[in-house]
C-alpha atoms as a PDB file:
ATOM      1  CA  MET A   1      -0.046   0.029   0.062  1.00  0.00           C
ATOM      2  CA  ASP A   2       2.907   2.281   0.887  1.00  0.00           C
ATOM      3  CA  ASP A   3       4.234   2.109  -2.818  1.00  0.00           C
ATOM      4  CA  LEU A   4       0.678   2.670  -4.276  1.00  0.00           C
ATOM      5  CA  ASN A   5       0.753   5.722  -2.537  1.00  0.00           C
ATOM      6  CA  ALA A   6       4.058   6.759  -3.337  1.00  0.00           C
ATOM      7  CA  ALA A   7       3.027   6.180  -7.019  1.00  0.00           C
ATOM      8  CA  VAL A   8      -0.145   8.097  -6.606  1.00  0.00           C
ATOM      9  CA  ALA A   9       1.875  10.817  -5.353  1.00  0.00           C
ATOM     10  CA  ALA A  10       4.466  10.724  -7.728  1.00  0.00           C
ATOM     11  CA  ALA A  11       1.997  10.661 -10.790  1.00  0.00           C
ATOM     12  CA  ALA A  12       0.199  13.898  -9.179  1.00  0.00           C
ATOM     13  CA  ARG A  13       3.470  15.776  -9.270  1.00  0.00           C
ATOM     14  CA  VAL A  14       3.802  14.966 -12.699  1.00  0.00           C
ATOM     15  CA  LEU A  15       0.350  15.782 -13.802  1.00  0.00           C
ATOM     16  CA  GLU A  16       0.367  19.166 -11.743  1.00  0.00           C
ATOM     17  CA  ARG A  17       3.340  20.620 -13.781  1.00  0.00           C
ATOM     18  CA  ALA A  18       2.425  18.885 -17.224  1.00  0.00           C
ATOM     19  CA  ARG A  19       1.470  21.416 -20.004  1.00  0.00           C
ATOM     20  CA  ASP A  20       0.636  18.723 -22.525  1.00  0.00           C
ATOM     21  CA  VAL A  21      -1.089  15.416 -21.685  1.00  0.00           C
ATOM     22  CA  THR A  22      -2.094  12.891 -23.859  1.00  0.00           C
ATOM     23  CA  LEU A  23      -4.541   9.765 -22.433  1.00  0.00           C
ATOM     24  CA  LEU A  24      -4.817   6.282 -23.959  1.00  0.00           C
ATOM     25  CA  GLY A  25      -7.516   3.672 -23.334  1.00  0.00           C
ATOM     26  CA  HIS A  26      -6.996   0.320 -24.713  1.00  0.00           C
ATOM     27  CA  VAL A  27      -8.359  -1.117 -28.188  1.00  0.00           C
ATOM     28  CA  ASN A  28     -12.067  -1.531 -28.276  1.00  0.00           C
ATOM     29  CA  PRO A  29     -12.285   0.859 -25.391  1.00  0.00           C
ATOM     30  CA  ASP A  30     -15.011   0.064 -22.632  1.00  0.00           C
ATOM     31  CA  ALA A  31     -16.612   2.521 -20.057  1.00  0.00           C
ATOM     32  CA  ASP A  32     -13.756   1.647 -17.425  1.00  0.00           C
ATOM     33  CA  ALA A  33     -11.099   2.812 -20.178  1.00  0.00           C
ATOM     34  CA  LEU A  34     -12.895   5.673 -21.521  1.00  0.00           C
ATOM     35  CA  GLY A  35     -14.418   6.818 -18.306  1.00  0.00           C
ATOM     36  CA  SER A  36     -11.233   6.671 -16.304  1.00  0.00           C
ATOM     37  CA  ALA A  37      -9.216   8.645 -19.258  1.00  0.00           C
ATOM     38  CA  LEU A  38     -11.929  11.531 -19.584  1.00  0.00           C
ATOM     39  CA  ALA A  39     -12.334  11.781 -15.744  1.00  0.00           C
ATOM     40  CA  LEU A  40      -8.552  12.494 -15.451  1.00  0.00           C
ATOM     41  CA  GLY A  41      -8.348  14.251 -18.945  1.00  0.00           C
ATOM     42  CA  LEU A  42     -11.480  16.716 -18.101  1.00  0.00           C
ATOM     43  CA  ALA A  43      -9.490  17.547 -14.349  1.00  0.00           C
ATOM     44  CA  LEU A  44      -6.578  18.167 -16.093  1.00  0.00           C
ATOM     45  CA  HIS A  45      -8.198  20.388 -18.936  1.00  0.00           C
ATOM     46  CA  ARG A  46      -9.767  22.604 -16.355  1.00  0.00           C
ATOM     47  CA  ARG A  47      -6.187  23.182 -14.815  1.00  0.00           C
ATOM     48  CA  GLY A  48      -4.801  24.471 -18.177  1.00  0.00           C
ATOM     49  CA  ALA A  49      -3.273  21.931 -19.702  1.00  0.00           C
ATOM     50  CA  THR A  50      -3.539  20.808 -23.242  1.00  0.00           C
ATOM     51  CA  VAL A  51      -5.406  17.240 -23.084  1.00  0.00           C
ATOM     52  CA  ARG A  52      -6.053  14.842 -25.786  1.00  0.00           C
ATOM     53  CA  VAL A  53      -7.686  11.335 -25.122  1.00  0.00           C
ATOM     54  CA  SER A  54      -7.522   8.611 -27.882  1.00  0.00           C
ATOM     55  CA  PHE A  55      -7.470   4.713 -28.617  1.00  0.00           C
ATOM     56  CA  SER A  56      -6.260   2.808 -31.572  1.00  0.00           C
ATOM     57  CA  GLU A  57      -9.427   1.307 -32.590  1.00  0.00           C
ATOM     58  CA  PRO A  58     -12.272   1.210 -33.687  1.00  0.00           C
ATOM     59  CA  ALA A  59     -12.159   4.272 -35.698  1.00  0.00           C
ATOM     60  CA  GLU A  60     -15.310   5.827 -34.034  1.00  0.00           C
ATOM     61  CA  VAL A  61     -16.157   6.238 -30.245  1.00  0.00           C
ATOM     62  CA  PRO A  62     -18.721   3.770 -28.801  1.00  0.00           C
ATOM     63  CA  ARG A  63     -21.981   5.613 -29.314  1.00  0.00           C
ATOM     64  CA  SER A  64     -23.070   4.838 -25.692  1.00  0.00           C
ATOM     65  CA  LEU A  65     -19.832   6.811 -24.316  1.00  0.00           C
ATOM     66  CA  ALA A  66     -19.511   9.626 -26.741  1.00  0.00           C
ATOM     67  CA  GLY A  67     -21.497  11.673 -24.060  1.00  0.00           C
ATOM     68  CA  LEU A  68     -19.052  11.313 -21.342  1.00  0.00           C
ATOM     69  CA  ASP A  69     -16.994  13.750 -23.456  1.00  0.00           C
ATOM     70  CA  VAL A  70     -18.422  16.812 -22.300  1.00  0.00           C
ATOM     71  CA  ALA A  71     -15.266  19.144 -23.242  1.00  0.00           C
ATOM     72  CA  GLY A  72     -14.344  17.501 -26.840  1.00  0.00           C
ATOM     73  CA  LEU A  73     -11.267  15.845 -25.600  1.00  0.00           C
ATOM     74  CA  LEU A  74     -11.594  12.801 -27.897  1.00  0.00           C
ATOM     75  CA  VAL A  75      -9.223  12.988 -30.916  1.00  0.00           C
ATOM     76  CA  PRO A  76      -8.746  10.331 -33.557  1.00  0.00           C
ATOM     77  CA  PRO A  77      -5.261   8.291 -33.275  1.00  0.00           C
ATOM     78  CA  SER A  78      -3.703  10.675 -35.819  1.00  0.00           C
ATOM     79  CA  GLN A  79      -3.567  13.375 -33.699  1.00  0.00           C
ATOM     80  CA  VAL A  80      -1.587  11.687 -31.108  1.00  0.00           C
ATOM     81  CA  PRO A  81       1.667  13.372 -30.920  1.00  0.00           C
ATOM     82  CA  GLU A  82       4.740  11.025 -31.929  1.00  0.00           C
ATOM     83  CA  ARG A  83       6.705  12.428 -28.725  1.00  0.00           C
ATOM     84  CA  PRO A  84       4.090  13.017 -25.771  1.00  0.00           C
ATOM     85  CA  GLU A  85       5.255  15.312 -23.089  1.00  0.00           C
ATOM     86  CA  VAL A  86       3.262  13.100 -20.365  1.00  0.00           C
ATOM     87  CA  LEU A  87       1.489   9.918 -21.744  1.00  0.00           C
ATOM     88  CA  VAL A  88      -1.316   8.434 -19.253  1.00  0.00           C
ATOM     89  CA  ALA A  89      -1.940   4.368 -20.196  1.00  0.00           C
ATOM     90  CA  LEU A  90      -5.371   3.510 -18.724  1.00  0.00           C
ATOM     91  CA  ASP A  91      -6.743   0.319 -18.032  1.00  0.00           C
ATOM     92  CA  SER A  92      -4.499  -1.406 -20.312  1.00  0.00           C
ATOM     93  CA  GLY A  93      -2.637  -4.425 -18.891  1.00  0.00           C
ATOM     94  CA  SER A  94       0.058  -4.582 -21.410  1.00  0.00           C
ATOM     95  CA  VAL A  95       1.445  -2.354 -24.190  1.00  0.00           C
ATOM     96  CA  GLY A  96      -0.046  -4.300 -26.844  1.00  0.00           C
ATOM     97  CA  ARG A  97      -3.503  -3.727 -25.216  1.00  0.00           C
ATOM     98  CA  LEU A  98      -2.755  -0.092 -26.711  1.00  0.00           C
ATOM     99  CA  GLY A  99      -2.717  -1.396 -30.335  1.00  0.00           C
ATOM    100  CA  HIS A 100      -0.470   0.843 -32.967  1.00  0.00           C
ATOM    101  CA  LEU A 101      -0.271   3.609 -30.281  1.00  0.00           C
ATOM    102  CA  GLY A 102       1.751   1.339 -28.042  1.00  0.00           C
ATOM    103  CA  GLY A 103       5.006   2.743 -29.535  1.00  0.00           C
ATOM    104  CA  ARG A 104       4.169   6.068 -28.047  1.00  0.00           C
ATOM    105  CA  ILE A 105       5.335   4.455 -24.714  1.00  0.00           C
ATOM    106  CA  ALA A 106       8.982   4.457 -25.828  1.00  0.00           C
ATOM    107  CA  THR A 107       8.780   8.109 -27.132  1.00  0.00           C
ATOM    108  CA  ALA A 108       6.885   9.781 -24.238  1.00  0.00           C
ATOM    109  CA  GLU A 109       8.701  12.227 -21.702  1.00  0.00           C
ATOM    110  CA  HIS A 110       6.853  10.433 -18.936  1.00  0.00           C
ATOM    111  CA  VAL A 111       4.606   7.407 -18.963  1.00  0.00           C
ATOM    112  CA  VAL A 112       1.885   7.154 -16.151  1.00  0.00           C
ATOM    113  CA  VAL A 113       0.271   3.818 -16.104  1.00  0.00           C
ATOM    114  CA  ILE A 114      -3.148   3.498 -14.406  1.00  0.00           C
ATOM    115  CA  ASP A 115      -4.499   0.372 -14.171  1.00  0.00           C
ATOM    116  CA  HIS A 116      -6.366  -2.594 -12.131  1.00  0.00           C
ATOM    117  CA  HIS A 117      -5.142  -5.820 -14.138  1.00  0.00           C
ATOM    118  CA  VAL A 118      -2.925  -8.048 -11.990  1.00  0.00           C
ATOM    119  CA  SER A 119      -1.044  -9.094 -15.122  1.00  0.00           C
ATOM    120  CA  ASN A 120       0.270  -5.566 -15.587  1.00  0.00           C
ATOM    121  CA  PRO A 121       3.878  -5.539 -15.707  1.00  0.00           C
ATOM    122  CA  GLY A 122       4.473  -1.950 -14.956  1.00  0.00           C
ATOM    123  CA  TYR A 123       5.457  -0.512 -18.275  1.00  0.00           C
ATOM    124  CA  GLY A 124       5.569   3.435 -17.289  1.00  0.00           C
ATOM    125  CA  THR A 125       8.020   5.495 -15.740  1.00  0.00           C
ATOM    126  CA  ILE A 126       5.218   5.632 -13.053  1.00  0.00           C
ATOM    127  CA  ASN A 127       2.759   2.587 -12.516  1.00  0.00           C
ATOM    128  CA  ILE A 128      -0.313   2.897 -10.330  1.00  0.00           C
ATOM    129  CA  VAL A 129      -1.444  -0.744 -10.547  1.00  0.00           C
ATOM    130  CA  ASP A 130      -3.998  -1.662  -7.711  1.00  0.00           C
ATOM    131  CA  ASP A 131      -5.268  -5.268  -8.559  1.00  0.00           C
ATOM    132  CA  ARG A 132      -7.738  -5.046  -5.580  1.00  0.00           C
ATOM    133  CA  ALA A 133      -9.717  -2.201  -7.091  1.00  0.00           C
ATOM    134  CA  GLU A 134     -12.529  -3.148  -9.030  1.00  0.00           C
ATOM    135  CA  ALA A 135     -12.115  -0.940 -11.912  1.00  0.00           C
ATOM    136  CA  THR A 136      -9.261   1.308 -13.102  1.00  0.00           C
ATOM    137  CA  ALA A 137     -12.096   4.565 -12.335  1.00  0.00           C
ATOM    138  CA  VAL A 138     -11.640   3.817  -8.761  1.00  0.00           C
ATOM    139  CA  VAL A 139      -7.821   3.961  -8.987  1.00  0.00           C
ATOM    140  CA  VAL A 140      -7.948   7.349 -11.092  1.00  0.00           C
ATOM    141  CA  LEU A 141     -10.430   8.838  -8.424  1.00  0.00           C
ATOM    142  CA  ARG A 142      -7.406   8.454  -5.981  1.00  0.00           C
ATOM    143  CA  VAL A 143      -5.260  10.359  -8.372  1.00  0.00           C
ATOM    144  CA  LEU A 144      -8.115  13.035  -8.570  1.00  0.00           C
ATOM    145  CA  ASP A 145      -8.118  13.301  -5.025  1.00  0.00           C
ATOM    146  CA  GLU A 146      -4.286  13.702  -4.521  1.00  0.00           C
ATOM    147  CA  LEU A 147      -4.650  16.441  -7.301  1.00  0.00           C
ATOM    148  CA  GLY A 148      -7.324  18.234  -5.003  1.00  0.00           C
ATOM    149  CA  VAL A 149     -10.069  17.948  -7.965  1.00  0.00           C
ATOM    150  CA  GLU A 150     -13.561  19.339  -7.017  1.00  0.00           C
ATOM    151  CA  LEU A 151     -15.595  16.204  -7.944  1.00  0.00           C
ATOM    152  CA  ASP A 152     -18.474  17.584 -10.175  1.00  0.00           C
ATOM    153  CA  GLU A 153     -21.291  15.728 -11.939  1.00  0.00           C
ATOM    154  CA  PRO A 154     -19.297  15.446 -15.339  1.00  0.00           C
ATOM    155  CA  VAL A 155     -16.317  14.055 -13.597  1.00  0.00           C
ATOM    156  CA  ALA A 156     -18.216  12.070 -11.127  1.00  0.00           C
ATOM    157  CA  ARG A 157     -20.102  10.624 -14.092  1.00  0.00           C
ATOM    158  CA  CYS A 158     -17.165   9.399 -16.076  1.00  0.00           C
ATOM    159  CA  VAL A 159     -15.846   7.618 -12.830  1.00  0.00           C
ATOM    160  CA  TYR A 160     -19.554   6.142 -12.198  1.00  0.00           C
ATOM    161  CA  ALA A 161     -19.476   4.593 -15.906  1.00  0.00           C
ATOM    162  CA  GLY A 162     -16.127   2.710 -15.521  1.00  0.00           C
ATOM    163  CA  LEU A 163     -17.458   1.660 -11.744  1.00  0.00           C
ATOM    164  CA  VAL A 164     -20.820   0.365 -12.826  1.00  0.00           C
ATOM    165  CA  THR A 165     -19.711  -1.476 -15.878  1.00  0.00           C
ATOM    166  CA  ASP A 166     -16.520  -3.435 -14.640  1.00  0.00           C
ATOM    167  CA  THR A 167     -18.719  -4.547 -11.360  1.00  0.00           C
ATOM    168  CA  ARG A 168     -21.626  -5.649 -13.684  1.00  0.00           C
ATOM    169  CA  SER A 169     -23.938  -3.428 -11.700  1.00  0.00           C
ATOM    170  CA  PHE A 170     -22.373  -3.641  -8.541  1.00  0.00           C
ATOM    171  CA  ARG A 171     -22.616  -7.713  -8.547  1.00  0.00           C
ATOM    172  CA  HIS A 172     -18.932  -7.555  -7.696  1.00  0.00           C
ATOM    173  CA  ALA A 173     -18.348  -4.736  -5.226  1.00  0.00           C
ATOM    174  CA  THR A 174     -17.137  -4.460  -1.739  1.00  0.00           C
ATOM    175  CA  GLU A 175     -18.511  -2.279   0.938  1.00  0.00           C
ATOM    176  CA  SER A 176     -15.608   0.538  -0.009  1.00  0.00           C
ATOM    177  CA  THR A 177     -17.085   0.409  -3.804  1.00  0.00           C
ATOM    178  CA  HIS A 178     -20.557   1.065  -2.542  1.00  0.00           C
ATOM    179  CA  LEU A 179     -19.343   3.782  -0.716  1.00  0.00           C
ATOM    180  CA  VAL A 180     -17.368   5.347  -3.779  1.00  0.00           C
ATOM    181  CA  ALA A 181     -20.702   4.683  -5.601  1.00  0.00           C
ATOM    182  CA  ALA A 182     -22.665   6.780  -2.945  1.00  0.00           C
ATOM    183  CA  ARG A 183     -20.018   9.780  -3.235  1.00  0.00           C
ATOM    184  CA  LEU A 184     -20.481  10.001  -6.948  1.00  0.00           C
ATOM    185  CA  ILE A 185     -24.204  10.123  -6.732  1.00  0.00           C
ATOM    186  CA  ALA A 186     -23.678  12.534  -4.124  1.00  0.00           C
ATOM    187  CA  ALA A 187     -21.646  14.722  -6.787  1.00  0.00           C
ATOM    188  CA  GLY A 188     -25.012  14.643  -9.081  1.00  0.00           C
ATOM    189  CA  VAL A 189     -24.591  11.439 -10.815  1.00  0.00           C
ATOM    190  CA  ASP A 190     -27.869   9.891 -12.009  1.00  0.00           C
ATOM    191  CA  GLY A 191     -27.229   6.113 -11.573  1.00  0.00           C
ATOM    192  CA  GLU A 192     -29.832   4.744 -13.022  1.00  0.00           C
ATOM    193  CA  ALA A 193     -29.975   6.877 -16.283  1.00  0.00           C
ATOM    194  CA  LEU A 194     -26.348   6.446 -16.953  1.00  0.00           C
ATOM    195  CA  ALA A 195     -26.754   2.776 -16.350  1.00  0.00           C
ATOM    196  CA  ARG A 196     -29.275   2.372 -18.498  1.00  0.00           C
ATOM    197  CA  SER A 197     -27.598   4.168 -21.649  1.00  0.00           C
ATOM    198  CA  LEU A 198     -24.448   1.986 -21.150  1.00  0.00           C
ATOM    199  CA  MET A 199     -25.882  -1.270 -20.509  1.00  0.00           C
ATOM    200  CA  ASP A 200     -29.526  -1.521 -21.364  1.00  0.00           C
ATOM    201  CA  SER A 201     -30.313   0.480 -24.719  1.00  0.00           C
ATOM    202  CA  HIS A 202     -29.865  -1.073 -27.845  1.00  0.00           C
ATOM    203  CA  PRO A 203     -31.567  -0.628 -31.683  1.00  0.00           C
ATOM    204  CA  PHE A 204     -34.124  -3.064 -32.419  1.00  0.00           C
ATOM    205  CA  GLY A 205     -31.657  -4.674 -35.254  1.00  0.00           C
ATOM    206  CA  TYR A 206     -29.894  -5.946 -31.681  1.00  0.00           C
ATOM    207  CA  LEU A 207     -32.645  -8.459 -31.195  1.00  0.00           C
ATOM    208  CA  ALA A 208     -32.237  -9.972 -34.689  1.00  0.00           C
ATOM    209  CA  MET A 209     -28.865 -10.451 -34.353  1.00  0.00           C
ATOM    210  CA  LEU A 210     -29.248 -12.215 -30.795  1.00  0.00           C
ATOM    211  CA  ALA A 211     -31.859 -14.493 -32.426  1.00  0.00           C
ATOM    212  CA  GLY A 212     -29.132 -15.735 -35.084  1.00  0.00           C
ATOM    213  CA  VAL A 213     -26.383 -15.760 -32.844  1.00  0.00           C
ATOM    214  CA  LEU A 214     -27.704 -17.550 -29.643  1.00  0.00           C
ATOM    215  CA  GLY A 215     -29.701 -19.817 -31.999  1.00  0.00           C
ATOM    216  CA  ARG A 216     -26.219 -21.189 -33.088  1.00  0.00           C
ATOM    217  CA  ALA A 217     -24.634 -21.333 -29.620  1.00  0.00           C
ATOM    218  CA  ARG A 218     -23.240 -24.714 -28.473  1.00  0.00           C
ATOM    219  CA  LEU A 219     -23.011 -26.208 -25.008  1.00  0.00           C
ATOM    220  CA  GLU A 220     -19.857 -28.961 -24.211  1.00  0.00           C
ATOM    221  CA  PRO A 221     -20.721 -30.281 -21.029  1.00  0.00           C
ATOM    222  CA  SER A 222     -16.996 -32.254 -21.020  1.00  0.00           C
ATOM    223  CA  ALA A 223     -15.145 -29.017 -21.883  1.00  0.00           C
ATOM    224  CA  ALA A 224     -12.889 -27.539 -19.527  1.00  0.00           C
ATOM    225  CA  GLY A 225     -12.438 -30.589 -17.561  1.00  0.00           C
ATOM    226  CA  GLY A 226     -15.747 -31.437 -17.144  1.00  0.00           C
ATOM    227  CA  LEU A 227     -17.182 -28.041 -15.927  1.00  0.00           C
ATOM    228  CA  GLY A 228     -18.470 -27.281 -19.085  1.00  0.00           C
ATOM    229  CA  LEU A 229     -18.397 -24.751 -21.931  1.00  0.00           C
ATOM    230  CA  VAL A 230     -20.616 -22.722 -23.803  1.00  0.00           C
ATOM    231  CA  HIS A 231     -19.732 -20.600 -26.731  1.00  0.00           C
ATOM    232  CA  ALA A 232     -21.070 -18.497 -29.689  1.00  0.00           C
ATOM    233  CA  VAL A 233     -19.719 -16.840 -32.778  1.00  0.00           C
ATOM    234  CA  VAL A 234     -20.639 -13.368 -33.847  1.00  0.00           C
ATOM    235  CA  THR A 235     -19.838 -12.917 -37.478  1.00  0.00           C
ATOM    236  CA  LEU A 236     -19.463  -9.959 -39.504  1.00  0.00           C
ATOM    237  CA  GLU A 237     -22.582 -10.535 -41.167  1.00  0.00           C
ATOM    238  CA  ASP A 238     -24.329 -10.975 -37.742  1.00  0.00           C
ATOM    239  CA  ALA A 239     -23.060  -7.787 -36.749  1.00  0.00           C
ATOM    240  CA  ALA A 240     -23.715  -5.597 -39.806  1.00  0.00           C
ATOM    241  CA  GLY A 241     -25.023  -2.282 -39.006  1.00  0.00           C
ATOM    242  CA  LEU A 242     -24.736  -2.762 -35.118  1.00  0.00           C
ATOM    243  CA  ARG A 243     -22.571  -0.742 -32.659  1.00  0.00           C
ATOM    244  CA  SER A 244     -19.480  -2.628 -31.193  1.00  0.00           C
ATOM    245  CA  GLU A 245     -20.937  -2.325 -27.587  1.00  0.00           C
ATOM    246  CA  GLU A 246     -23.991  -4.291 -29.222  1.00  0.00           C
ATOM    247  CA  VAL A 247     -21.422  -7.131 -30.171  1.00  0.00           C
ATOM    248  CA  GLU A 248     -19.673  -6.865 -26.907  1.00  0.00           C
ATOM    249  CA  SER A 249     -22.722  -7.394 -24.737  1.00  0.00           C
ATOM    250  CA  VAL A 250     -23.552 -10.780 -26.138  1.00  0.00           C
ATOM    251  CA  VAL A 251     -20.993 -12.619 -23.713  1.00  0.00           C
ATOM    252  CA  ASP A 252     -23.185 -11.059 -21.015  1.00  0.00           C
ATOM    253  CA  LEU A 253     -26.100 -13.241 -22.110  1.00  0.00           C
ATOM    254  CA  VAL A 254     -24.049 -16.244 -22.977  1.00  0.00           C
ATOM    255  CA  ARG A 255     -22.544 -16.372 -19.755  1.00  0.00           C
ATOM    256  CA  THR A 256     -25.966 -16.670 -18.022  1.00  0.00           C
ATOM    257  CA  THR A 257     -26.062 -20.871 -19.158  1.00  0.00           C
ATOM    258  CA  THR A 258     -26.233 -22.671 -15.732  1.00  0.00           C
ATOM    259  CA  GLU A 259     -24.691 -25.812 -17.232  1.00  0.00           C
ATOM    260  CA  ALA A 260     -21.269 -24.448 -18.158  1.00  0.00           C
ATOM    261  CA  GLU A 261     -18.628 -22.661 -15.792  1.00  0.00           C
ATOM    262  CA  VAL A 262     -17.075 -20.966 -18.798  1.00  0.00           C
ATOM    263  CA  ALA A 263     -18.436 -19.194 -21.515  1.00  0.00           C
ATOM    264  CA  ALA A 264     -16.721 -17.741 -24.547  1.00  0.00           C
ATOM    265  CA  VAL A 265     -17.986 -15.438 -27.547  1.00  0.00           C
ATOM    266  CA  LEU A 266     -15.829 -14.932 -30.598  1.00  0.00           C
ATOM    267  CA  LYS A 267     -16.687 -11.893 -32.687  1.00  0.00           C
ATOM    268  CA  GLU A 268     -15.340 -11.623 -36.340  1.00  0.00           C
ATOM    269  CA  LEU A 269     -13.205  -8.616 -36.843  1.00  0.00           C
ATOM    270  CA  ARG A 270     -12.370  -9.416 -40.399  1.00  0.00           C
ATOM    271  CA  PRO A 271     -12.072 -12.723 -42.367  1.00  0.00           C
ATOM    272  CA  ASP A 272     -10.207 -15.391 -40.192  1.00  0.00           C
ATOM    273  CA  ARG A 273      -9.520 -12.965 -37.483  1.00  0.00           C
ATOM    274  CA  TRP A 274     -11.097 -12.973 -34.241  1.00  0.00           C
ATOM    275  CA  SER A 275     -11.544 -11.370 -30.938  1.00  0.00           C
ATOM    276  CA  GLY A 276     -12.578 -13.793 -28.026  1.00  0.00           C
ATOM    277  CA  SER A 277     -14.212 -12.929 -24.408  1.00  0.00           C
ATOM    278  CA  LEU A 278     -14.099 -15.202 -21.836  1.00  0.00           C
ATOM    279  CA  ARG A 279     -16.268 -15.213 -18.458  1.00  0.00           C
ATOM    280  CA  ALA A 280     -16.317 -17.895 -15.912  1.00  0.00           C
ATOM    281  CA  VAL A 281     -18.624 -18.019 -12.761  1.00  0.00           C
ATOM    282  CA  SER A 282     -16.052 -18.857  -9.973  1.00  0.00           C
ATOM    283  CA  ARG A 283     -13.997 -22.043 -10.700  1.00  0.00           C
ATOM    284  CA  VAL A 284     -11.656 -21.334 -13.846  1.00  0.00           C
ATOM    285  CA  ASP A 285      -9.404 -18.585 -14.078  1.00  0.00           C
ATOM    286  CA  VAL A 286      -9.947 -17.301 -17.371  1.00  0.00           C
ATOM    287  CA  ARG A 287      -7.219 -14.794 -17.537  1.00  0.00           C
ATOM    288  CA  GLU A 288      -4.688 -17.920 -17.444  1.00  0.00           C
ATOM    289  CA  VAL A 289      -6.821 -19.034 -20.376  1.00  0.00           C
ATOM    290  CA  ALA A 290      -6.387 -15.905 -22.489  1.00  0.00           C
ATOM    291  CA  GLN A 291      -2.865 -15.614 -21.674  1.00  0.00           C
ATOM    292  CA  LEU A 292      -1.854 -18.622 -23.206  1.00  0.00           C
ATOM    293  CA  LEU A 293      -4.054 -17.573 -26.388  1.00  0.00           C
ATOM    294  CA  GLY A 294      -1.808 -14.236 -26.644  1.00  0.00           C
ATOM    295  CA  GLY A 295      -4.436 -12.281 -24.281  1.00  0.00           C
ATOM    296  CA  GLY A 296      -5.283 -11.267 -20.518  1.00  0.00           C
ATOM    297  CA  GLY A 297      -7.457  -9.780 -17.993  1.00  0.00           C
ATOM    298  CA  HIS A 298      -9.211 -10.883 -15.036  1.00  0.00           C
ATOM    299  CA  ARG A 299      -9.611 -13.995 -13.160  1.00  0.00           C
ATOM    300  CA  LEU A 300     -13.406 -14.093 -14.125  1.00  0.00           C
ATOM    301  CA  ALA A 301     -13.344 -12.070 -17.475  1.00  0.00           C
ATOM    302  CA  ALA A 302     -10.642 -12.029 -20.081  1.00  0.00           C
ATOM    303  CA  GLY A 303     -10.343 -11.875 -23.882  1.00  0.00           C
ATOM    304  CA  PHE A 304      -7.857 -12.581 -26.875  1.00  0.00           C
ATOM    305  CA  THR A 305      -7.597 -12.211 -30.555  1.00  0.00           C
ATOM    306  CA  ALA A 306      -6.456 -14.886 -32.826  1.00  0.00           C
ATOM    307  CA  ALA A 307      -6.252 -15.843 -36.459  1.00  0.00           C
ATOM    308  CA  GLY A 308      -7.781 -19.060 -38.217  1.00  0.00           C
ATOM    309  CA  THR A 309     -11.258 -20.169 -38.681  1.00  0.00           C
ATOM    310  CA  ALA A 310     -13.852 -20.216 -35.850  1.00  0.00           C
ATOM    311  CA  GLU A 311     -13.798 -23.752 -35.461  1.00  0.00           C
ATOM    312  CA  GLU A 312      -9.838 -23.712 -35.290  1.00  0.00           C
ATOM    313  CA  VAL A 313      -9.886 -21.021 -32.891  1.00  0.00           C
ATOM    314  CA  LEU A 314     -12.408 -22.862 -30.469  1.00  0.00           C
ATOM    315  CA  GLU A 315     -10.360 -25.734 -30.755  1.00  0.00           C
ATOM    316  CA  ARG A 316      -7.124 -23.860 -29.347  1.00  0.00           C
ATOM    317  CA  LEU A 317      -9.545 -22.410 -26.659  1.00  0.00           C
ATOM    318  CA  ARG A 318     -10.721 -25.972 -25.611  1.00  0.00           C
ATOM    319  CA  GLN A 319      -6.982 -27.032 -25.362  1.00  0.00           C
ATOM    320  CA  ALA A 320      -6.109 -23.820 -23.085  1.00  0.00           C
ATOM    321  CA  LEU A 321      -9.008 -24.666 -21.112  1.00  0.00           C
ATOM    322  CA  GLY A 322      -7.979 -28.094 -20.466  1.00  0.00           C
ATOM    323  CA  THR A 323      -4.494 -27.029 -19.679  1.00  0.00           C
ATOM    324  CA  VAL A 324      -5.625 -24.593 -16.896  1.00  0.00           C
ATOM    325  CA  VAL A 325      -8.057 -26.796 -15.435  1.00  0.00           C
ATOM    326  CA  ALA A 326      -5.666 -29.650 -15.302  1.00  0.00           C
ATOM    327  CA  ALA A 327      -3.007 -27.393 -13.849  1.00  0.00           C
ATOM    328  CA  ALA A 328      -5.891 -26.450 -10.953  1.00  0.00           C
ATOM    329  CA  GLY A 329      -6.417 -29.988 -10.118  1.00  0.00           C
ATOM    330  CA  GLU A 330      -8.971 -32.635 -10.575  1.00  0.00           C
ATOM    331  CA  PRO A 331     -12.536 -30.760 -11.608  1.00  0.00           C
ATOM    332  CA  ARG A 332     -14.136 -32.418  -8.413  1.00  0.00           C
ATOM    333  CA  ASP A 333     -11.778 -30.103  -6.217  1.00  0.00           C
ATOM    334  CA  LEU A 334     -12.628 -26.959  -8.236  1.00  0.00           C
ATOM    335  CA  ARG A 335     -16.234 -27.612  -7.705  1.00  0.00           C
ATOM    336  CA  ARG A 336     -15.983 -27.227  -3.729  1.00  0.00           C
END
């Protein structure tokens, strides 16, 4: 904890002096990545710094998150300077998660890493990595407090966006997390309205996509050492005309299958290129599974990218699951 406090203080000193700050979220940014970046970016912008927030891909900001950018801080990756004065990487467990903008890590004068992934190796000049925090947004709030930032509604809304989504509407939340949420609501956040816009609002075409994708879902009770795997595939044709957040949300429905410990959804990025989302109930560390496939994440929620046909990728996933479960012990032990 002392090391974490020291890192927070060191980052605050750098950010207080900074005249130009670039904040980067990971590829396919979620509410925690962009909410964290925009909360800190808005605070620094108000202090007089030149601030830009960006990410490598996709080309457009997820529509459900665009409303968080009240100061117009989001810029395309082409506007990220080659040699940033201060670069802040948020919610990115590795340089690779920054996509092609990861190269800026080597050219920036100062690199502040703010994250909550246990697998983060600490690739910054200052690393604030708290793997006990439910969301990177909680770690950002510590930095804001160190900077003496007034927690008004626009800043609090960005922090709340990361908190409510990464805790799955506070399903995975400690007492302290609820206290943070209470503080954000006291600052003016309308929790119900924000959660609805982030997670519970979809175009009508979303229903047709779900009908097709879920209709093709498959359950493999013998996979994952007998703990069960359920999986679905979202093709480019399935996703046509829909936002990235619609596609990303499919795994949250697939994961409700009671007969499977692990849920997986493959999303086609381009022919023979896939993004995989993994979720587990409690017994399997899908972060370890994702790492075997070149990805990473959290113990119960992780992801990876892979090349090949959908069936080839699924076969590699089955093998990785078997390896992780076997290393953890017999399935009967995991069920206790």
